[in-house]
Amino acid sequence: MPHAFRVASGLDSVVLGRDRRSSGQMRQAVKTAEAGGLARLVLNRLFQRTFAVASDVRTRTAIGSGSISMAAAAVRLRRDAFFRRLREERGLLA
């Protein structure tokens, strides 16, 4: 269950906070399972709870407001570290 919550909330996405795509894929999977008669009561409850948790995460946090890819995050961290070190070397930081 925790994995389903993380995926639907956008926490397991390559782009943190990109939940809409993941939720859409999960909703389509539920519809496909239901159409094939594979979605039983427990599975339906799991997915309904998953969508509720994802909605709650989006409502209570700003996770989707600044979606950023892992690559972009790495570049920002490296850039910030570079400029921090440059300022330290020039005596601009204590």
PDB file of N, CA and C in Angstrom:
ATOM      1  N   MET A   1       0.792  -1.193   0.000  1.00  0.00           N
ATOM      2  CA  MET A   1       0.000   0.000   0.000  1.00  0.00           C
ATOM      3  C   MET A   1       0.838   1.264   0.000  1.00  0.00           C
ATOM      4  N   PRO A   2       1.889   1.339   0.807  1.00  0.00           N
ATOM      5  CA  PRO A   2       2.678   2.574   0.796  1.00  0.00           C
ATOM      6  C   PRO A   2       3.221   2.908  -0.600  1.00  0.00           C
ATOM      7  N   HIS A   3       3.606   1.887  -1.349  1.00  0.00           N
ATOM      8  CA  HIS A   3       4.123   2.141  -2.698  1.00  0.00           C
ATOM      9  C   HIS A   3       3.037   2.767  -3.578  1.00  0.00           C
ATOM     10  N   ALA A   4       1.841   2.249  -3.516  1.00  0.00           N
ATOM     11  CA  ALA A   4       0.736   2.803  -4.305  1.00  0.00           C
ATOM     12  C   ALA A   4       0.481   4.247  -3.901  1.00  0.00           C
ATOM     13  N   PHE A   5       0.565   4.548  -2.606  1.00  0.00           N
ATOM     14  CA  PHE A   5       0.371   5.914  -2.136  1.00  0.00           C
ATOM     15  C   PHE A   5       1.462   6.837  -2.681  1.00  0.00           C
ATOM     16  N   ARG A   6       2.713   6.362  -2.654  1.00  0.00           N
ATOM     17  CA  ARG A   6       3.823   7.181  -3.146  1.00  0.00           C
ATOM     18  C   ARG A   6       3.704   7.442  -4.641  1.00  0.00           C
ATOM     19  N   VAL A   7       3.332   6.419  -5.396  1.00  0.00           N
ATOM     20  CA  VAL A   7       3.199   6.571  -6.845  1.00  0.00           C
ATOM     21  C   VAL A   7       2.080   7.557  -7.176  1.00  0.00           C
ATOM     22  N   ALA A   8       0.921   7.372  -6.581  1.00  0.00           N
ATOM     23  CA  ALA A   8      -0.224   8.231  -6.875  1.00  0.00           C
ATOM     24  C   ALA A   8       0.006   9.665  -6.423  1.00  0.00           C
ATOM     25  N   SER A   9       0.812   9.845  -5.386  1.00  0.00           N
ATOM     26  CA  SER A   9       1.084  11.184  -4.867  1.00  0.00           C
ATOM     27  C   SER A   9       2.190  11.889  -5.632  1.00  0.00           C
ATOM     28  N   GLY A  10       2.916  11.154  -6.464  1.00  0.00           N
ATOM     29  CA  GLY A  10       4.005  11.747  -7.225  1.00  0.00           C
ATOM     30  C   GLY A  10       5.340  11.697  -6.520  1.00  0.00           C
ATOM     31  N   LEU A  11       5.437  10.943  -5.426  1.00  0.00           N
ATOM     32  CA  LEU A  11       6.698  10.856  -4.697  1.00  0.00           C
ATOM     33  C   LEU A  11       7.692   9.888  -5.334  1.00  0.00           C
ATOM     34  N   ASP A  12       7.205   8.942  -6.125  1.00  0.00           N
ATOM     35  CA  ASP A  12       8.081   7.979  -6.788  1.00  0.00           C
ATOM     36  C   ASP A  12       8.320   8.333  -8.247  1.00  0.00           C
ATOM     37  N   SER A  13       7.987   9.526  -8.615  1.00  0.00           N
ATOM     38  CA  SER A  13       8.133   9.955  -9.996  1.00  0.00           C
ATOM     39  C   SER A  13       9.535  10.492 -10.237  1.00  0.00           C
ATOM     40  N   VAL A  14      10.016  10.361 -11.464  1.00  0.00           N
ATOM     41  CA  VAL A  14      11.308  10.933 -11.817  1.00  0.00           C
ATOM     42  C   VAL A  14      11.240  12.442 -11.655  1.00  0.00           C
ATOM     43  N   VAL A  15      10.090  13.015 -11.924  1.00  0.00           N
ATOM     44  CA  VAL A  15       9.853  14.427 -11.687  1.00  0.00           C
ATOM     45  C   VAL A  15       8.989  14.505 -10.437  1.00  0.00           C
ATOM     46  N   LEU A  16       9.612  14.893  -9.338  1.00  0.00           N
ATOM     47  CA  LEU A  16       8.916  14.926  -8.060  1.00  0.00           C
ATOM     48  C   LEU A  16       7.655  15.764  -8.160  1.00  0.00           C
ATOM     49  N   GLY A  17       6.564  15.166  -7.741  1.00  0.00           N
ATOM     50  CA  GLY A  17       5.311  15.887  -7.751  1.00  0.00           C
ATOM     51  C   GLY A  17       4.475  15.709  -9.002  1.00  0.00           C
ATOM     52  N   ARG A  18       4.984  14.974  -9.957  1.00  0.00           N
ATOM     53  CA  ARG A  18       4.207  14.744 -11.178  1.00  0.00           C
ATOM     54  C   ARG A  18       3.214  13.632 -10.902  1.00  0.00           C
ATOM     55  N   ASP A  19       2.188  13.973 -10.174  1.00  0.00           N
ATOM     56  CA  ASP A  19       1.212  12.987  -9.728  1.00  0.00           C
ATOM     57  C   ASP A  19       0.085  12.781 -10.715  1.00  0.00           C
ATOM     58  N   ARG A  20      -0.246  13.781 -11.473  1.00  0.00           N
ATOM     59  CA  ARG A  20      -1.391  13.672 -12.377  1.00  0.00           C
ATOM     60  C   ARG A  20      -1.209  12.529 -13.377  1.00  0.00           C
ATOM     61  N   ARG A  21      -0.038  12.413 -13.916  1.00  0.00           N
ATOM     62  CA  ARG A  21       0.220  11.348 -14.885  1.00  0.00           C
ATOM     63  C   ARG A  21       0.141   9.983 -14.208  1.00  0.00           C
ATOM     64  N   SER A  22       0.772   9.869 -13.050  1.00  0.00           N
ATOM     65  CA  SER A  22       0.760   8.599 -12.315  1.00  0.00           C
ATOM     66  C   SER A  22      -0.650   8.230 -11.886  1.00  0.00           C
ATOM     67  N   SER A  23      -1.388   9.200 -11.369  1.00  0.00           N
ATOM     68  CA  SER A  23      -2.768   8.938 -10.949  1.00  0.00           C
ATOM     69  C   SER A  23      -3.614   8.525 -12.135  1.00  0.00           C
ATOM     70  N   GLY A  24      -3.421   9.182 -13.261  1.00  0.00           N
ATOM     71  CA  GLY A  24      -4.164   8.830 -14.468  1.00  0.00           C
ATOM     72  C   GLY A  24      -3.881   7.412 -14.917  1.00  0.00           C
ATOM     73  N   GLN A  25      -2.617   7.024 -14.843  1.00  0.00           N
ATOM     74  CA  GLN A  25      -2.246   5.658 -15.213  1.00  0.00           C
ATOM     75  C   GLN A  25      -2.858   4.659 -14.245  1.00  0.00           C
ATOM     76  N   MET A  26      -2.859   4.992 -12.971  1.00  0.00           N
ATOM     77  CA  MET A  26      -3.451   4.088 -11.985  1.00  0.00           C
ATOM     78  C   MET A  26      -4.963   3.992 -12.181  1.00  0.00           C
ATOM     79  N   ARG A  27      -5.607   5.110 -12.466  1.00  0.00           N
ATOM     80  CA  ARG A  27      -7.056   5.080 -12.711  1.00  0.00           C
ATOM     81  C   ARG A  27      -7.383   4.221 -13.933  1.00  0.00           C
ATOM     82  N   GLN A  28      -6.569   4.331 -14.965  1.00  0.00           N
ATOM     83  CA  GLN A  28      -6.784   3.513 -16.161  1.00  0.00           C
ATOM     84  C   GLN A  28      -6.588   2.031 -15.841  1.00  0.00           C
ATOM     85  N   ALA A  29      -5.610   1.717 -15.003  1.00  0.00           N
ATOM     86  CA  ALA A  29      -5.382   0.324 -14.600  1.00  0.00           C
ATOM     87  C   ALA A  29      -6.593  -0.222 -13.846  1.00  0.00           C
ATOM     88  N   VAL A  30      -7.183   0.595 -12.985  1.00  0.00           N
ATOM     89  CA  VAL A  30      -8.372   0.172 -12.237  1.00  0.00           C
ATOM     90  C   VAL A  30      -9.524  -0.090 -13.199  1.00  0.00           C
ATOM     91  N   LYS A  31      -9.733   0.814 -14.148  1.00  0.00           N
ATOM     92  CA  LYS A  31     -10.809   0.635 -15.131  1.00  0.00           C
ATOM     93  C   LYS A  31     -10.600  -0.635 -15.947  1.00  0.00           C
ATOM     94  N   THR A  32      -9.363  -0.893 -16.339  1.00  0.00           N
ATOM     95  CA  THR A  32      -9.056  -2.098 -17.112  1.00  0.00           C
ATOM     96  C   THR A  32      -9.323  -3.352 -16.282  1.00  0.00           C
ATOM     97  N   ALA A  33      -8.912  -3.317 -15.011  1.00  0.00           N
ATOM     98  CA  ALA A  33      -9.140  -4.461 -14.127  1.00  0.00           C
ATOM     99  C   ALA A  33     -10.635  -4.689 -13.913  1.00  0.00           C
ATOM    100  N   GLU A  34     -11.362  -3.594 -13.741  1.00  0.00           N
ATOM    101  CA  GLU A  34     -12.812  -3.715 -13.549  1.00  0.00           C
ATOM    102  C   GLU A  34     -13.476  -4.277 -14.797  1.00  0.00           C
ATOM    103  N   ALA A  35     -13.073  -3.804 -15.957  1.00  0.00           N
ATOM    104  CA  ALA A  35     -13.657  -4.281 -17.221  1.00  0.00           C
ATOM    105  C   ALA A  35     -13.388  -5.761 -17.429  1.00  0.00           C
ATOM    106  N   GLY A  36     -12.249  -6.229 -16.943  1.00  0.00           N
ATOM    107  CA  GLY A  36     -11.901  -7.639 -17.072  1.00  0.00           C
ATOM    108  C   GLY A  36     -12.394  -8.489 -15.913  1.00  0.00           C
ATOM    109  N   GLY A  37     -13.133  -7.885 -14.998  1.00  0.00           N
ATOM    110  CA  GLY A  37     -13.650  -8.628 -13.860  1.00  0.00           C
ATOM    111  C   GLY A  37     -12.583  -8.995 -12.843  1.00  0.00           C
ATOM    112  N   LEU A  38     -11.459  -8.297 -12.869  1.00  0.00           N
ATOM    113  CA  LEU A  38     -10.347  -8.635 -11.980  1.00  0.00           C
ATOM    114  C   LEU A  38     -10.289  -7.786 -10.720  1.00  0.00           C
ATOM    115  N   ALA A  39     -11.027  -6.701 -10.706  1.00  0.00           N
ATOM    116  CA  ALA A  39     -10.993  -5.800  -9.548  1.00  0.00           C
ATOM    117  C   ALA A  39     -12.019  -6.258  -8.521  1.00  0.00           C
ATOM    118  N   ARG A  40     -11.541  -6.823  -7.472  1.00  0.00           N
ATOM    119  CA  ARG A  40     -12.407  -7.271  -6.389  1.00  0.00           C
ATOM    120  C   ARG A  40     -12.535  -6.175  -5.347  1.00  0.00           C
ATOM    121  N   LEU A  41     -13.332  -6.418  -4.347  1.00  0.00           N
ATOM    122  CA  LEU A  41     -13.626  -5.431  -3.318  1.00  0.00           C
ATOM    123  C   LEU A  41     -12.355  -4.872  -2.669  1.00  0.00           C
ATOM    124  N   VAL A  42     -11.432  -5.739  -2.301  1.00  0.00           N
ATOM    125  CA  VAL A  42     -10.215  -5.293  -1.620  1.00  0.00           C
ATOM    126  C   VAL A  42      -9.395  -4.393  -2.535  1.00  0.00           C
ATOM    127  N   LEU A  43      -9.245  -4.779  -3.795  1.00  0.00           N
ATOM    128  CA  LEU A  43      -8.479  -3.979  -4.738  1.00  0.00           C
ATOM    129  C   LEU A  43      -9.149  -2.630  -4.971  1.00  0.00           C
ATOM    130  N   ASN A  44     -10.467  -2.641  -5.112  1.00  0.00           N
ATOM    131  CA  ASN A  44     -11.184  -1.380  -5.289  1.00  0.00           C
ATOM    132  C   ASN A  44     -10.999  -0.461  -4.090  1.00  0.00           C
ATOM    133  N   ARG A  45     -11.065  -1.016  -2.899  1.00  0.00           N
ATOM    134  CA  ARG A  45     -10.861  -0.207  -1.690  1.00  0.00           C
ATOM    135  C   ARG A  45      -9.446   0.353  -1.638  1.00  0.00           C
ATOM    136  N   LEU A  46      -8.465  -0.471  -2.015  1.00  0.00           N
ATOM    137  CA  LEU A  46      -7.074  -0.012  -2.035  1.00  0.00           C
ATOM    138  C   LEU A  46      -6.931   1.190  -2.963  1.00  0.00           C
ATOM    139  N   PHE A  47      -7.468   1.084  -4.165  1.00  0.00           N
ATOM    140  CA  PHE A  47      -7.302   2.172  -5.109  1.00  0.00           C
ATOM    141  C   PHE A  47      -8.091   3.413  -4.705  1.00  0.00           C
ATOM    142  N   GLN A  48      -9.276   3.239  -4.160  1.00  0.00           N
ATOM    143  CA  GLN A  48     -10.036   4.400  -3.709  1.00  0.00           C
ATOM    144  C   GLN A  48      -9.280   5.118  -2.584  1.00  0.00           C
ATOM    145  N   ARG A  49      -8.706   4.344  -1.674  1.00  0.00           N
ATOM    146  CA  ARG A  49      -7.913   4.934  -0.589  1.00  0.00           C
ATOM    147  C   ARG A  49      -6.659   5.596  -1.146  1.00  0.00           C
ATOM    148  N   THR A  50      -6.052   4.968  -2.136  1.00  0.00           N
ATOM    149  CA  THR A  50      -4.853   5.524  -2.768  1.00  0.00           C
ATOM    150  C   THR A  50      -5.150   6.886  -3.374  1.00  0.00           C
ATOM    151  N   PHE A  51      -6.255   7.002  -4.100  1.00  0.00           N
ATOM    152  CA  PHE A  51      -6.606   8.274  -4.723  1.00  0.00           C
ATOM    153  C   PHE A  51      -6.937   9.326  -3.671  1.00  0.00           C
ATOM    154  N   ALA A  52      -7.545   8.915  -2.576  1.00  0.00           N
ATOM    155  CA  ALA A  52      -7.852   9.850  -1.488  1.00  0.00           C
ATOM    156  C   ALA A  52      -6.567  10.362  -0.838  1.00  0.00           C
ATOM    157  N   VAL A  53      -5.611   9.459  -0.616  1.00  0.00           N
ATOM    158  CA  VAL A  53      -4.332   9.858  -0.020  1.00  0.00           C
ATOM    159  C   VAL A  53      -3.597  10.814  -0.958  1.00  0.00           C
ATOM    160  N   ALA A  54      -3.574  10.501  -2.253  1.00  0.00           N
ATOM    161  CA  ALA A  54      -2.893  11.359  -3.223  1.00  0.00           C
ATOM    162  C   ALA A  54      -3.518  12.755  -3.227  1.00  0.00           C
ATOM    163  N   SER A  55      -4.821  12.810  -3.172  1.00  0.00           N
ATOM    164  CA  SER A  55      -5.515  14.095  -3.130  1.00  0.00           C
ATOM    165  C   SER A  55      -5.164  14.859  -1.862  1.00  0.00           C
ATOM    166  N   ASP A  56      -5.104  14.150  -0.754  1.00  0.00           N
ATOM    167  CA  ASP A  56      -4.758  14.763   0.525  1.00  0.00           C
ATOM    168  C   ASP A  56      -3.326  15.312   0.489  1.00  0.00           C
ATOM    169  N   VAL A  57      -2.415  14.555  -0.093  1.00  0.00           N
ATOM    170  CA  VAL A  57      -1.023  15.003  -0.202  1.00  0.00           C
ATOM    171  C   VAL A  57      -0.949  16.286  -1.018  1.00  0.00           C
ATOM    172  N   ARG A  58      -1.653  16.323  -2.138  1.00  0.00           N
ATOM    173  CA  ARG A  58      -1.636  17.525  -2.985  1.00  0.00           C
ATOM    174  C   ARG A  58      -2.256  18.719  -2.259  1.00  0.00           C
ATOM    175  N   THR A  59      -3.294  18.471  -1.470  1.00  0.00           N
ATOM    176  CA  THR A  59      -3.975  19.544  -0.761  1.00  0.00           C
ATOM    177  C   THR A  59      -3.136  20.092   0.388  1.00  0.00           C
ATOM    178  N   ARG A  60      -2.476  19.209   1.118  1.00  0.00           N
ATOM    179  CA  ARG A  60      -1.755  19.617   2.326  1.00  0.00           C
ATOM    180  C   ARG A  60      -0.306  20.037   2.084  1.00  0.00           C
ATOM    181  N   THR A  61       0.224  19.741   0.920  1.00  0.00           N
ATOM    182  CA  THR A  61       1.617  20.092   0.629  1.00  0.00           C
ATOM    183  C   THR A  61       1.678  20.884  -0.664  1.00  0.00           C
ATOM    184  N   ALA A  62       2.846  21.345  -0.993  1.00  0.00           N
ATOM    185  CA  ALA A  62       3.063  22.070  -2.245  1.00  0.00           C
ATOM    186  C   ALA A  62       3.888  21.203  -3.196  1.00  0.00           C
ATOM    187  N   ILE A  63       3.724  19.890  -3.102  1.00  0.00           N
ATOM    188  CA  ILE A  63       4.565  18.978  -3.858  1.00  0.00           C
ATOM    189  C   ILE A  63       4.511  19.211  -5.365  1.00  0.00           C
ATOM    190  N   GLY A  64       3.370  19.568  -5.883  1.00  0.00           N
ATOM    191  CA  GLY A  64       3.269  19.748  -7.329  1.00  0.00           C
ATOM    192  C   GLY A  64       3.547  21.157  -7.802  1.00  0.00           C
ATOM    193  N   SER A  65       3.732  22.082  -6.881  1.00  0.00           N
ATOM    194  CA  SER A  65       3.880  23.481  -7.271  1.00  0.00           C
ATOM    195  C   SER A  65       5.193  23.771  -7.980  1.00  0.00           C
ATOM    196  N   GLY A  66       6.230  23.060  -7.635  1.00  0.00           N
ATOM    197  CA  GLY A  66       7.531  23.303  -8.254  1.00  0.00           C
ATOM    198  C   GLY A  66       8.130  22.024  -8.762  1.00  0.00           C
ATOM    199  N   SER A  67       7.368  21.276  -9.527  1.00  0.00           N
ATOM    200  CA  SER A  67       7.857  19.999 -10.029  1.00  0.00           C
ATOM    201  C   SER A  67       9.214  20.167 -10.687  1.00  0.00           C
ATOM    202  N   ILE A  68      10.122  19.286 -10.336  1.00  0.00           N
ATOM    203  CA  ILE A  68      11.480  19.386 -10.829  1.00  0.00           C
ATOM    204  C   ILE A  68      12.019  17.988 -11.101  1.00  0.00           C
ATOM    205  N   SER A  69      12.716  17.833 -12.205  1.00  0.00           N
ATOM    206  CA  SER A  69      13.283  16.528 -12.530  1.00  0.00           C
ATOM    207  C   SER A  69      14.514  16.278 -11.676  1.00  0.00           C
ATOM    208  N   MET A  70      14.911  15.035 -11.580  1.00  0.00           N
ATOM    209  CA  MET A  70      16.105  14.683 -10.815  1.00  0.00           C
ATOM    210  C   MET A  70      17.327  15.361 -11.433  1.00  0.00           C
ATOM    211  N   ALA A  71      17.376  15.410 -12.743  1.00  0.00           N
ATOM    212  CA  ALA A  71      18.512  16.039 -13.422  1.00  0.00           C
ATOM    213  C   ALA A  71      18.575  17.528 -13.091  1.00  0.00           C
ATOM    214  N   ALA A  72      17.440  18.197 -13.144  1.00  0.00           N
ATOM    215  CA  ALA A  72      17.417  19.629 -12.830  1.00  0.00           C
ATOM    216  C   ALA A  72      17.795  19.869 -11.377  1.00  0.00           C
ATOM    217  N   ALA A  73      17.325  19.005 -10.485  1.00  0.00           N
ATOM    218  CA  ALA A  73      17.676  19.137  -9.071  1.00  0.00           C
ATOM    219  C   ALA A  73      19.178  18.962  -8.875  1.00  0.00           C
ATOM    220  N   ALA A  74      19.769  18.001  -9.565  1.00  0.00           N
ATOM    221  CA  ALA A  74      21.214  17.762  -9.461  1.00  0.00           C
ATOM    222  C   ALA A  74      22.002  18.969  -9.960  1.00  0.00           C
ATOM    223  N   VAL A  75      21.554  19.542 -11.066  1.00  0.00           N
ATOM    224  CA  VAL A  75      22.227  20.728 -11.605  1.00  0.00           C
ATOM    225  C   VAL A  75      22.134  21.886 -10.618  1.00  0.00           C
ATOM    226  N   ARG A  76      20.966  22.090 -10.030  1.00  0.00           N
ATOM    227  CA  ARG A  76      20.807  23.175  -9.056  1.00  0.00           C
ATOM    228  C   ARG A  76      21.696  22.976  -7.841  1.00  0.00           C
ATOM    229  N   LEU A  77      21.732  21.740  -7.336  1.00  0.00           N
ATOM    230  CA  LEU A  77      22.583  21.462  -6.173  1.00  0.00           C
ATOM    231  C   LEU A  77      24.049  21.719  -6.491  1.00  0.00           C
ATOM    232  N   ARG A  78      24.478  21.270  -7.641  1.00  0.00           N
ATOM    233  CA  ARG A  78      25.884  21.443  -8.034  1.00  0.00           C
ATOM    234  C   ARG A  78      26.204  22.922  -8.235  1.00  0.00           C
ATOM    235  N   ARG A  79      25.294  23.638  -8.883  1.00  0.00           N
ATOM    236  CA  ARG A  79      25.486  25.074  -9.103  1.00  0.00           C
ATOM    237  C   ARG A  79      25.582  25.802  -7.767  1.00  0.00           C
ATOM    238  N   ASP A  80      24.661  25.490  -6.857  1.00  0.00           N
ATOM    239  CA  ASP A  80      24.667  26.149  -5.551  1.00  0.00           C
ATOM    240  C   ASP A  80      25.951  25.852  -4.785  1.00  0.00           C
ATOM    241  N   ALA A  81      26.405  24.593  -4.846  1.00  0.00           N
ATOM    242  CA  ALA A  81      27.647  24.215  -4.169  1.00  0.00           C
ATOM    243  C   ALA A  81      28.840  24.950  -4.777  1.00  0.00           C
ATOM    244  N   PHE A  82      28.860  25.085  -6.093  1.00  0.00           N
ATOM    245  CA  PHE A  82      29.954  25.780  -6.776  1.00  0.00           C
ATOM    246  C   PHE A  82      30.030  27.231  -6.319  1.00  0.00           C
ATOM    247  N   PHE A  83      28.895  27.932  -6.336  1.00  0.00           N
ATOM    248  CA  PHE A  83      28.895  29.335  -5.951  1.00  0.00           C
ATOM    249  C   PHE A  83      29.162  29.524  -4.465  1.00  0.00           C
ATOM    250  N   ARG A  84      28.703  28.589  -3.646  1.00  0.00           N
ATOM    251  CA  ARG A  84      28.995  28.658  -2.212  1.00  0.00           C
ATOM    252  C   ARG A  84      30.498  28.556  -1.985  1.00  0.00           C
ATOM    253  N   ARG A  85      31.133  27.618  -2.660  1.00  0.00           N
ATOM    254  CA  ARG A  85      32.580  27.432  -2.513  1.00  0.00           C
ATOM    255  C   ARG A  85      33.331  28.653  -3.030  1.00  0.00           C
ATOM    256  N   LEU A  86      32.878  29.206  -4.131  1.00  0.00           N
ATOM    257  CA  LEU A  86      33.503  30.403  -4.698  1.00  0.00           C
ATOM    258  C   LEU A  86      33.425  31.564  -3.710  1.00  0.00           C
ATOM    259  N   ARG A  87      32.257  31.754  -3.099  1.00  0.00           N
ATOM    260  CA  ARG A  87      32.107  32.822  -2.110  1.00  0.00           C
ATOM    261  C   ARG A  87      32.999  32.571  -0.891  1.00  0.00           C
ATOM    262  N   GLU A  88      33.097  31.311  -0.459  1.00  0.00           N
ATOM    263  CA  GLU A  88      33.952  30.984   0.682  1.00  0.00           C
ATOM    264  C   GLU A  88      35.410  31.282   0.371  1.00  0.00           C
ATOM    265  N   GLU A  89      35.837  30.911  -0.828  1.00  0.00           N
ATOM    266  CA  GLU A  89      37.238  31.154  -1.214  1.00  0.00           C
ATOM    267  C   GLU A  89      37.554  32.634  -1.299  1.00  0.00           C
ATOM    268  N   ARG A  90      36.585  33.434  -1.637  1.00  0.00           N
ATOM    269  CA  ARG A  90      36.795  34.880  -1.744  1.00  0.00           C
ATOM    270  C   ARG A  90      36.537  35.593  -0.418  1.00  0.00           C
ATOM    271  N   GLY A  91      36.241  34.812   0.617  1.00  0.00           N
ATOM    272  CA  GLY A  91      36.036  35.379   1.943  1.00  0.00           C
ATOM    273  C   GLY A  91      34.704  36.079   2.122  1.00  0.00           C
ATOM    274  N   LEU A  92      33.758  35.734   1.255  1.00  0.00           N
ATOM    275  CA  LEU A  92      32.448  36.379   1.346  1.00  0.00           C
ATOM    276  C   LEU A  92      31.522  35.669   2.313  1.00  0.00           C
ATOM    277  N   LEU A  93      31.868  34.459   2.704  1.00  0.00           N
ATOM    278  CA  LEU A  93      31.089  33.702   3.674  1.00  0.00           C
ATOM    279  C   LEU A  93      31.965  33.348   4.841  1.00  0.00           C
ATOM    280  N   ALA A  94      31.386  33.290   5.995  1.00  0.00           N
ATOM    281  CA  ALA A  94      32.156  32.933   7.192  1.00  0.00           C
ATOM    282  C   ALA A  94      32.333  31.454   7.282  1.00  0.00           C
TER     283      ALA A  94
END
